[in-house]
């Protein structure tokens, strides 16, 4: 079972203050880039994995999606999504992406924002998604960029003079990362970019587009949760793939 940190009261209190949770998609600096990677949504049946408060689900319906099914491990997130949604074509369900089951060939698009790096068994998830997509269906997702993922060992976090080092020093050491983010021991799973992309290819996807998002200086000035240092390295890996 994946860690459900989002229902921790202290974590949830801090997380809900993020601009992307207060004002929605327009508060997500990477959103314009993600939006450009999405296929036409008209008439599409969509699954949103890690749907959170349902911001993307509601936007997709506004763009013409026939239906959206949102899945999230957090009871608090799903409860808020239900409160904020008045659309019978949007359904939400509590689900753990580690054990997620989806009906076969039921969706034309699977979308996910910043959720897959919480999943230990990425191959199982990709295989589940591939089976749930129609032939030619699309997968578009974002994850924390592998080189931005916290290092696996404390010695990689600072040099001998105590100065912070770039996490790329621990890049090849795949596996668990436990970080402090609002609370201690938030669990993520680091994979190299090669592992992520090759898993998609091996499970029947063709890559359409890859983006490595880093904010511009102007975007940093407009976003209180970003710093100037964030312009120097990609924060997120954005992937668009198509089921062959």
C-alpha atoms as a PDB file:
ATOM      1  CA  UNK A   1       0.000   0.000   0.000  1.00  0.00           C
ATOM      2  CA  UNK A   2       1.264   3.462  -0.849  1.00  0.00           C
ATOM      3  CA  UNK A   3       1.846   5.929   1.979  1.00  0.00           C
ATOM      4  CA  UNK A   4      -1.213   8.132   2.485  1.00  0.00           C
ATOM      5  CA  UNK A   5       0.562  11.230   3.742  1.00  0.00           C
ATOM      6  CA  UNK A   6      -2.127  13.541   2.399  1.00  0.00           C
ATOM      7  CA  UNK A   7      -4.577  12.581   5.151  1.00  0.00           C
ATOM      8  CA  UNK A   8      -2.061  13.476   7.867  1.00  0.00           C
ATOM      9  CA  UNK A   9      -3.610  16.610   9.483  1.00  0.00           C
ATOM     10  CA  UNK A  10      -0.327  18.536   9.640  1.00  0.00           C
ATOM     11  CA  UNK A  11       0.582  17.685   6.050  1.00  0.00           C
ATOM     12  CA  UNK A  12      -2.898  18.446   4.727  1.00  0.00           C
ATOM     13  CA  UNK A  13      -2.953  21.808   6.504  1.00  0.00           C
ATOM     14  CA  UNK A  14       0.299  22.877   4.859  1.00  0.00           C
ATOM     15  CA  UNK A  15      -0.391  21.355   1.467  1.00  0.00           C
ATOM     16  CA  UNK A  16      -3.754  23.077   1.053  1.00  0.00           C
ATOM     17  CA  UNK A  17      -2.017  26.468   1.248  1.00  0.00           C
ATOM     18  CA  UNK A  18      -0.141  25.823  -1.999  1.00  0.00           C
ATOM     19  CA  UNK A  19      -1.313  28.155  -4.816  1.00  0.00           C
ATOM     20  CA  UNK A  20      -2.252  25.159  -6.982  1.00  0.00           C
ATOM     21  CA  UNK A  21      -4.611  23.994  -4.239  1.00  0.00           C
ATOM     22  CA  UNK A  22      -6.035  27.446  -3.543  1.00  0.00           C
ATOM     23  CA  UNK A  23      -6.686  28.700  -7.076  1.00  0.00           C
ATOM     24  CA  UNK A  24      -6.412  25.457  -9.040  1.00  0.00           C
ATOM     25  CA  UNK A  25      -4.609  24.773 -12.297  1.00  0.00           C
ATOM     26  CA  UNK A  26      -3.653  28.398 -12.840  1.00  0.00           C
ATOM     27  CA  UNK A  27      -1.586  28.139  -9.661  1.00  0.00           C
ATOM     28  CA  UNK A  28       0.497  25.307 -11.141  1.00  0.00           C
ATOM     29  CA  UNK A  29       3.425  26.908 -12.955  1.00  0.00           C
ATOM     30  CA  UNK A  30       3.927  23.869 -15.202  1.00  0.00           C
ATOM     31  CA  UNK A  31       0.264  23.730 -16.268  1.00  0.00           C
ATOM     32  CA  UNK A  32       0.602  25.574 -19.626  1.00  0.00           C
ATOM     33  CA  UNK A  33       3.272  23.071 -20.690  1.00  0.00           C
ATOM     34  CA  UNK A  34       1.206  20.096 -19.511  1.00  0.00           C
ATOM     35  CA  UNK A  35      -1.910  21.443 -21.214  1.00  0.00           C
ATOM     36  CA  UNK A  36      -0.062  21.693 -24.533  1.00  0.00           C
ATOM     37  CA  UNK A  37       0.827  17.990 -24.296  1.00  0.00           C
ATOM     38  CA  UNK A  38      -2.764  16.829 -23.893  1.00  0.00           C
ATOM     39  CA  UNK A  39      -4.691  15.477 -26.887  1.00  0.00           C
ATOM     40  CA  UNK A  40      -8.047  16.892 -27.894  1.00  0.00           C
ATOM     41  CA  UNK A  41     -10.479  16.099 -25.083  1.00  0.00           C
ATOM     42  CA  UNK A  42     -13.719  16.237 -27.063  1.00  0.00           C
ATOM     43  CA  UNK A  43     -15.706  13.077 -26.385  1.00  0.00           C
ATOM     44  CA  UNK A  44     -12.860  11.400 -24.465  1.00  0.00           C
ATOM     45  CA  UNK A  45     -13.296   9.087 -21.493  1.00  0.00           C
ATOM     46  CA  UNK A  46     -10.629  10.102 -18.990  1.00  0.00           C
ATOM     47  CA  UNK A  47      -9.079   8.569 -15.890  1.00  0.00           C
ATOM     48  CA  UNK A  48      -7.292  11.014 -13.578  1.00  0.00           C
ATOM     49  CA  UNK A  49      -4.894   9.143 -11.284  1.00  0.00           C
ATOM     50  CA  UNK A  50      -4.113  11.101  -8.144  1.00  0.00           C
ATOM     51  CA  UNK A  51      -6.968  13.490  -8.876  1.00  0.00           C
ATOM     52  CA  UNK A  52      -6.706  15.485  -5.637  1.00  0.00           C
ATOM     53  CA  UNK A  53      -9.415  18.117  -5.348  1.00  0.00           C
ATOM     54  CA  UNK A  54     -10.649  17.483  -8.898  1.00  0.00           C
ATOM     55  CA  UNK A  55      -9.301  20.615 -10.551  1.00  0.00           C
ATOM     56  CA  UNK A  56      -8.161  18.778 -13.694  1.00  0.00           C
ATOM     57  CA  UNK A  57     -11.295  16.622 -13.843  1.00  0.00           C
ATOM     58  CA  UNK A  58     -13.547  19.673 -13.917  1.00  0.00           C
ATOM     59  CA  UNK A  59     -11.331  21.445 -16.461  1.00  0.00           C
ATOM     60  CA  UNK A  60     -11.362  18.399 -18.759  1.00  0.00           C
ATOM     61  CA  UNK A  61     -15.124  18.229 -18.704  1.00  0.00           C
ATOM     62  CA  UNK A  62     -15.224  21.920 -19.616  1.00  0.00           C
ATOM     63  CA  UNK A  63     -13.030  21.063 -22.630  1.00  0.00           C
ATOM     64  CA  UNK A  64     -15.548  18.472 -23.835  1.00  0.00           C
ATOM     65  CA  UNK A  65     -14.487  15.208 -22.199  1.00  0.00           C
ATOM     66  CA  UNK A  66     -17.379  12.753 -22.163  1.00  0.00           C
ATOM     67  CA  UNK A  67     -16.552  11.541 -18.646  1.00  0.00           C
ATOM     68  CA  UNK A  68     -13.815  11.726 -16.045  1.00  0.00           C
ATOM     69  CA  UNK A  69     -13.116   9.169 -13.343  1.00  0.00           C
ATOM     70  CA  UNK A  70     -10.822  10.479 -10.598  1.00  0.00           C
ATOM     71  CA  UNK A  71      -8.845   8.201  -8.283  1.00  0.00           C
ATOM     72  CA  UNK A  72      -6.946   9.234  -5.163  1.00  0.00           C
ATOM     73  CA  UNK A  73      -5.714   7.499  -2.025  1.00  0.00           C
ATOM     74  CA  UNK A  74      -6.656  10.462   0.172  1.00  0.00           C
ATOM     75  CA  UNK A  75     -10.092  10.460   1.790  1.00  0.00           C
ATOM     76  CA  UNK A  76      -9.699  14.191   2.495  1.00  0.00           C
ATOM     77  CA  UNK A  77      -8.939  14.923  -1.164  1.00  0.00           C
ATOM     78  CA  UNK A  78     -11.839  12.863  -2.456  1.00  0.00           C
ATOM     79  CA  UNK A  79     -14.252  14.414   0.045  1.00  0.00           C
ATOM     80  CA  UNK A  80     -13.251  17.914  -1.099  1.00  0.00           C
ATOM     81  CA  UNK A  81     -13.501  16.876  -4.764  1.00  0.00           C
ATOM     82  CA  UNK A  82     -17.067  15.704  -4.172  1.00  0.00           C
ATOM     83  CA  UNK A  83     -17.922  18.975  -2.427  1.00  0.00           C
ATOM     84  CA  UNK A  84     -16.582  21.086  -5.296  1.00  0.00           C
ATOM     85  CA  UNK A  85     -18.047  19.086  -8.180  1.00  0.00           C
ATOM     86  CA  UNK A  86     -21.600  19.246  -9.479  1.00  0.00           C
ATOM     87  CA  UNK A  87     -21.322  17.156 -12.614  1.00  0.00           C
ATOM     88  CA  UNK A  88     -22.801  13.652 -13.016  1.00  0.00           C
ATOM     89  CA  UNK A  89     -20.198  12.849 -15.684  1.00  0.00           C
ATOM     90  CA  UNK A  90     -17.400  13.139 -13.097  1.00  0.00           C
ATOM     91  CA  UNK A  91     -16.946  10.308 -10.597  1.00  0.00           C
ATOM     92  CA  UNK A  92     -14.396  10.061  -7.793  1.00  0.00           C
ATOM     93  CA  UNK A  93     -13.121   6.989  -5.979  1.00  0.00           C
ATOM     94  CA  UNK A  94     -10.652   6.337  -3.185  1.00  0.00           C
ATOM     95  CA  UNK A  95      -7.939   4.093  -4.626  1.00  0.00           C
ATOM     96  CA  UNK A  96      -4.327   3.143  -3.980  1.00  0.00           C
ATOM     97  CA  UNK A  97      -2.267   3.381  -7.175  1.00  0.00           C
ATOM     98  CA  UNK A  98      -0.124   0.484  -5.928  1.00  0.00           C
ATOM     99  CA  UNK A  99      -3.105  -1.870  -6.207  1.00  0.00           C
ATOM    100  CA  UNK A 100      -5.307   0.031  -8.651  1.00  0.00           C
ATOM    101  CA  UNK A 101      -7.541  -1.994 -10.932  1.00  0.00           C
ATOM    102  CA  UNK A 102      -9.200  -0.454 -13.974  1.00  0.00           C
ATOM    103  CA  UNK A 103     -11.664  -1.911 -16.481  1.00  0.00           C
ATOM    104  CA  UNK A 104     -10.159  -3.046 -19.769  1.00  0.00           C
ATOM    105  CA  UNK A 105     -10.212  -0.623 -22.725  1.00  0.00           C
ATOM    106  CA  UNK A 106     -12.432   1.774 -20.756  1.00  0.00           C
ATOM    107  CA  UNK A 107     -10.516   5.036 -21.267  1.00  0.00           C
ATOM    108  CA  UNK A 108      -9.180   7.149 -24.127  1.00  0.00           C
ATOM    109  CA  UNK A 109      -6.861   9.189 -21.896  1.00  0.00           C
ATOM    110  CA  UNK A 110      -5.148   8.507 -18.590  1.00  0.00           C
ATOM    111  CA  UNK A 111      -3.803  11.631 -16.903  1.00  0.00           C
ATOM    112  CA  UNK A 112      -1.792  12.083 -13.732  1.00  0.00           C
ATOM    113  CA  UNK A 113      -0.193  15.060 -12.032  1.00  0.00           C
ATOM    114  CA  UNK A 114       2.697  14.524  -9.605  1.00  0.00           C
ATOM    115  CA  UNK A 115       1.523  11.160  -8.277  1.00  0.00           C
ATOM    116  CA  UNK A 116       3.551   8.374  -9.898  1.00  0.00           C
ATOM    117  CA  UNK A 117       6.692   9.082  -7.844  1.00  0.00           C
ATOM    118  CA  UNK A 118       4.769   7.820  -4.802  1.00  0.00           C
ATOM    119  CA  UNK A 119       4.318   4.400  -6.443  1.00  0.00           C
ATOM    120  CA  UNK A 120       6.825   1.653  -5.714  1.00  0.00           C
ATOM    121  CA  UNK A 121       5.799  -0.765  -8.489  1.00  0.00           C
ATOM    122  CA  UNK A 122       5.751   1.542 -11.496  1.00  0.00           C
ATOM    123  CA  UNK A 123       5.736  -1.316 -14.009  1.00  0.00           C
ATOM    124  CA  UNK A 124       2.563  -2.799 -12.547  1.00  0.00           C
ATOM    125  CA  UNK A 125       0.874   0.598 -12.743  1.00  0.00           C
ATOM    126  CA  UNK A 126       1.942   1.158 -16.360  1.00  0.00           C
ATOM    127  CA  UNK A 127       0.692  -2.306 -17.295  1.00  0.00           C
ATOM    128  CA  UNK A 128      -2.661  -1.550 -15.637  1.00  0.00           C
ATOM    129  CA  UNK A 129      -2.921   1.739 -17.529  1.00  0.00           C
ATOM    130  CA  UNK A 130      -2.043   0.116 -20.860  1.00  0.00           C
ATOM    131  CA  UNK A 131      -4.813  -2.457 -20.427  1.00  0.00           C
ATOM    132  CA  UNK A 132      -7.311   0.232 -19.455  1.00  0.00           C
ATOM    133  CA  UNK A 133      -6.625   2.365 -22.540  1.00  0.00           C
ATOM    134  CA  UNK A 134      -8.152   1.839 -25.944  1.00  0.00           C
ATOM    135  CA  UNK A 135      -5.727   1.238 -28.830  1.00  0.00           C
ATOM    136  CA  UNK A 136      -4.231   4.625 -29.659  1.00  0.00           C
ATOM    137  CA  UNK A 137      -5.220   5.978 -26.259  1.00  0.00           C
ATOM    138  CA  UNK A 138      -3.034   8.560 -24.533  1.00  0.00           C
ATOM    139  CA  UNK A 139      -1.125   8.711 -21.266  1.00  0.00           C
ATOM    140  CA  UNK A 140       0.016  12.135 -20.057  1.00  0.00           C
ATOM    141  CA  UNK A 141       1.669  12.540 -16.680  1.00  0.00           C
ATOM    142  CA  UNK A 142       4.047  14.611 -14.623  1.00  0.00           C
ATOM    143  CA  UNK A 143       6.396  13.434 -11.881  1.00  0.00           C
ATOM    144  CA  UNK A 144       9.054  15.017  -9.734  1.00  0.00           C
ATOM    145  CA  UNK A 145      12.125  15.087 -11.949  1.00  0.00           C
ATOM    146  CA  UNK A 146      14.522  12.220 -11.136  1.00  0.00           C
ATOM    147  CA  UNK A 147      17.515  14.536 -10.729  1.00  0.00           C
ATOM    148  CA  UNK A 148      15.522  16.732  -8.338  1.00  0.00           C
ATOM    149  CA  UNK A 149      14.548  13.783  -6.134  1.00  0.00           C
ATOM    150  CA  UNK A 150      16.138  13.945  -2.677  1.00  0.00           C
ATOM    151  CA  UNK A 151      19.385  11.947  -2.395  1.00  0.00           C
ATOM    152  CA  UNK A 152      19.378   8.492  -0.879  1.00  0.00           C
ATOM    153  CA  UNK A 153      22.166   9.072   1.641  1.00  0.00           C
ATOM    154  CA  UNK A 154      22.893  12.039   3.954  1.00  0.00           C
ATOM    155  CA  UNK A 155      26.459  12.388   2.648  1.00  0.00           C
ATOM    156  CA  UNK A 156      25.013  13.434  -0.727  1.00  0.00           C
ATOM    157  CA  UNK A 157      23.105  16.323   0.821  1.00  0.00           C
ATOM    158  CA  UNK A 158      26.140  18.510   1.630  1.00  0.00           C
ATOM    159  CA  UNK A 159      29.823  18.696   0.831  1.00  0.00           C
ATOM    160  CA  UNK A 160      32.615  18.564   3.431  1.00  0.00           C
ATOM    161  CA  UNK A 161      32.145  22.283   4.129  1.00  0.00           C
ATOM    162  CA  UNK A 162      28.425  21.832   4.706  1.00  0.00           C
ATOM    163  CA  UNK A 163      27.359  23.393   1.409  1.00  0.00           C
ATOM    164  CA  UNK A 164      24.345  21.774  -0.266  1.00  0.00           C
ATOM    165  CA  UNK A 165      25.127  19.466  -3.165  1.00  0.00           C
ATOM    166  CA  UNK A 166      23.009  18.701  -6.186  1.00  0.00           C
ATOM    167  CA  UNK A 167      20.924  15.505  -5.718  1.00  0.00           C
ATOM    168  CA  UNK A 168      22.248  14.183  -9.039  1.00  0.00           C
ATOM    169  CA  UNK A 169      25.105  12.763  -6.952  1.00  0.00           C
ATOM    170  CA  UNK A 170      22.782   9.938  -5.906  1.00  0.00           C
ATOM    171  CA  UNK A 171      21.019   9.640  -9.224  1.00  0.00           C
ATOM    172  CA  UNK A 172      21.827   6.004 -10.041  1.00  0.00           C
ATOM    173  CA  UNK A 173      20.700   4.710  -6.636  1.00  0.00           C
ATOM    174  CA  UNK A 174      17.069   3.885  -7.356  1.00  0.00           C
ATOM    175  CA  UNK A 175      14.658   3.180  -4.525  1.00  0.00           C
ATOM    176  CA  UNK A 176      13.026   4.845  -1.561  1.00  0.00           C
ATOM    177  CA  UNK A 177      13.543   8.481  -0.654  1.00  0.00           C
ATOM    178  CA  UNK A 178      12.233   9.835   2.643  1.00  0.00           C
ATOM    179  CA  UNK A 179      12.056  13.608   2.784  1.00  0.00           C
ATOM    180  CA  UNK A 180      10.712  16.314   5.046  1.00  0.00           C
ATOM    181  CA  UNK A 181       7.867  18.180   3.368  1.00  0.00           C
ATOM    182  CA  UNK A 182       5.445  19.708   5.901  1.00  0.00           C
ATOM    183  CA  UNK A 183       6.062  16.558   7.963  1.00  0.00           C
ATOM    184  CA  UNK A 184       8.945  14.099   8.270  1.00  0.00           C
ATOM    185  CA  UNK A 185       9.337  10.840   6.361  1.00  0.00           C
ATOM    186  CA  UNK A 186       7.298  11.597   3.250  1.00  0.00           C
ATOM    187  CA  UNK A 187       7.951   8.507   1.133  1.00  0.00           C
ATOM    188  CA  UNK A 188       8.784   8.750  -2.571  1.00  0.00           C
ATOM    189  CA  UNK A 189      10.322   6.289  -5.015  1.00  0.00           C
ATOM    190  CA  UNK A 190      13.214   7.395  -7.195  1.00  0.00           C
ATOM    191  CA  UNK A 191      13.728   5.963 -10.681  1.00  0.00           C
ATOM    192  CA  UNK A 192      16.114   7.174 -13.339  1.00  0.00           C
ATOM    193  CA  UNK A 193      14.665   8.761 -16.434  1.00  0.00           C
ATOM    194  CA  UNK A 194      15.792   5.716 -18.420  1.00  0.00           C
ATOM    195  CA  UNK A 195      13.858   3.374 -16.146  1.00  0.00           C
ATOM    196  CA  UNK A 196      10.722   5.494 -16.395  1.00  0.00           C
ATOM    197  CA  UNK A 197      10.803   5.837 -20.181  1.00  0.00           C
ATOM    198  CA  UNK A 198      11.950   2.299 -20.935  1.00  0.00           C
ATOM    199  CA  UNK A 199       9.185   0.871 -18.754  1.00  0.00           C
ATOM    200  CA  UNK A 200       6.651   2.746 -20.856  1.00  0.00           C
ATOM    201  CA  UNK A 201       8.199   1.476 -24.089  1.00  0.00           C
ATOM    202  CA  UNK A 202       8.401  -2.108 -22.829  1.00  0.00           C
ATOM    203  CA  UNK A 203       4.746  -2.061 -21.783  1.00  0.00           C
ATOM    204  CA  UNK A 204       3.456  -1.008 -25.183  1.00  0.00           C
ATOM    205  CA  UNK A 205       3.661   2.781 -25.327  1.00  0.00           C
ATOM    206  CA  UNK A 206       5.161   5.043 -27.950  1.00  0.00           C
ATOM    207  CA  UNK A 207       6.613   8.264 -26.572  1.00  0.00           C
ATOM    208  CA  UNK A 208       5.009  11.379 -28.070  1.00  0.00           C
ATOM    209  CA  UNK A 209       6.773  14.150 -26.179  1.00  0.00           C
ATOM    210  CA  UNK A 210       9.079  14.645 -23.210  1.00  0.00           C
ATOM    211  CA  UNK A 211       9.513  17.947 -21.368  1.00  0.00           C
ATOM    212  CA  UNK A 212      11.745  18.850 -18.429  1.00  0.00           C
ATOM    213  CA  UNK A 213      10.045  21.697 -16.629  1.00  0.00           C
ATOM    214  CA  UNK A 214      12.014  24.412 -14.880  1.00  0.00           C
ATOM    215  CA  UNK A 215      10.427  27.790 -14.142  1.00  0.00           C
ATOM    216  CA  UNK A 216      11.641  31.007 -15.697  1.00  0.00           C
ATOM    217  CA  UNK A 217      12.789  33.902 -13.542  1.00  0.00           C
ATOM    218  CA  UNK A 218       9.467  35.658 -14.193  1.00  0.00           C
ATOM    219  CA  UNK A 219       7.552  32.557 -13.120  1.00  0.00           C
ATOM    220  CA  UNK A 220       9.573  32.322  -9.914  1.00  0.00           C
ATOM    221  CA  UNK A 221       8.776  35.927  -9.056  1.00  0.00           C
ATOM    222  CA  UNK A 222       5.066  35.189  -9.520  1.00  0.00           C
ATOM    223  CA  UNK A 223       5.053  31.953  -7.493  1.00  0.00           C
ATOM    224  CA  UNK A 224       5.620  32.114  -3.712  1.00  0.00           C
ATOM    225  CA  UNK A 225       6.474  28.394  -3.536  1.00  0.00           C
ATOM    226  CA  UNK A 226       9.435  28.704  -5.952  1.00  0.00           C
ATOM    227  CA  UNK A 227      12.930  30.150  -5.540  1.00  0.00           C
ATOM    228  CA  UNK A 228      15.569  31.488  -7.906  1.00  0.00           C
ATOM    229  CA  UNK A 229      17.527  28.247  -7.480  1.00  0.00           C
ATOM    230  CA  UNK A 230      14.620  26.375  -9.090  1.00  0.00           C
ATOM    231  CA  UNK A 231      15.475  27.934 -12.472  1.00  0.00           C
ATOM    232  CA  UNK A 232      18.796  26.055 -12.538  1.00  0.00           C
ATOM    233  CA  UNK A 233      17.502  22.491 -12.760  1.00  0.00           C
ATOM    234  CA  UNK A 234      14.323  20.777 -13.989  1.00  0.00           C
ATOM    235  CA  UNK A 235      11.761  20.308 -11.240  1.00  0.00           C
ATOM    236  CA  UNK A 236       9.415  18.011 -13.128  1.00  0.00           C
ATOM    237  CA  UNK A 237       9.473  15.435 -15.895  1.00  0.00           C
ATOM    238  CA  UNK A 238       6.437  15.664 -18.195  1.00  0.00           C
ATOM    239  CA  UNK A 239       5.625  12.706 -20.423  1.00  0.00           C
ATOM    240  CA  UNK A 240       3.099  12.183 -23.213  1.00  0.00           C
ATOM    241  CA  UNK A 241       2.826   8.645 -24.577  1.00  0.00           C
ATOM    242  CA  UNK A 242       0.409   6.720 -26.743  1.00  0.00           C
ATOM    243  CA  UNK A 243      -0.680   3.091 -26.433  1.00  0.00           C
ATOM    244  CA  UNK A 244       0.372   1.242 -29.563  1.00  0.00           C
END
